[in-house]
Amino acid sequence: KGAPYYRRFHQMVLRLTDAGIIQHWTDDVIARRVKENRAAAALDPIATLSNEKEMVLGMQHMQGAFYLLFLGCGLVILILLMEYIVQYHPRLNKTFAITTRPEE
């Protein structure tokens, strides 16, 4: 509110839009940017190839993740078996029993 040239500025923007000049400017900027990107890609083709190269991931690529998964599952099973042995073996149950101090 209170801007003295708002109406005039708005009319000029509408005229430019209707005439297609803003669209022409936008297309020109996009075309210039595409040329710059292509020129940069020509200077450094290795970087652009490594960034844009798509490949299908197979079992060989995921092998390390599966090794970690199976290692974790094996560790969990081992700990679970140890808990059952400690809980159900009478002598071990007394050895590893959690005792609480009497309240004062």
Foldseek 3Di string as FASTA:
>chain_A
DPDPCPVVVVVVVVVCVVVCVVVVVVVVVVVVVVVVVVVVCVVPVVVVCVVPDDDDDDCVNCVVVVVVVVVVVVVVVVVVVVVVCCCPPVVSVVVPPDDDDDDD
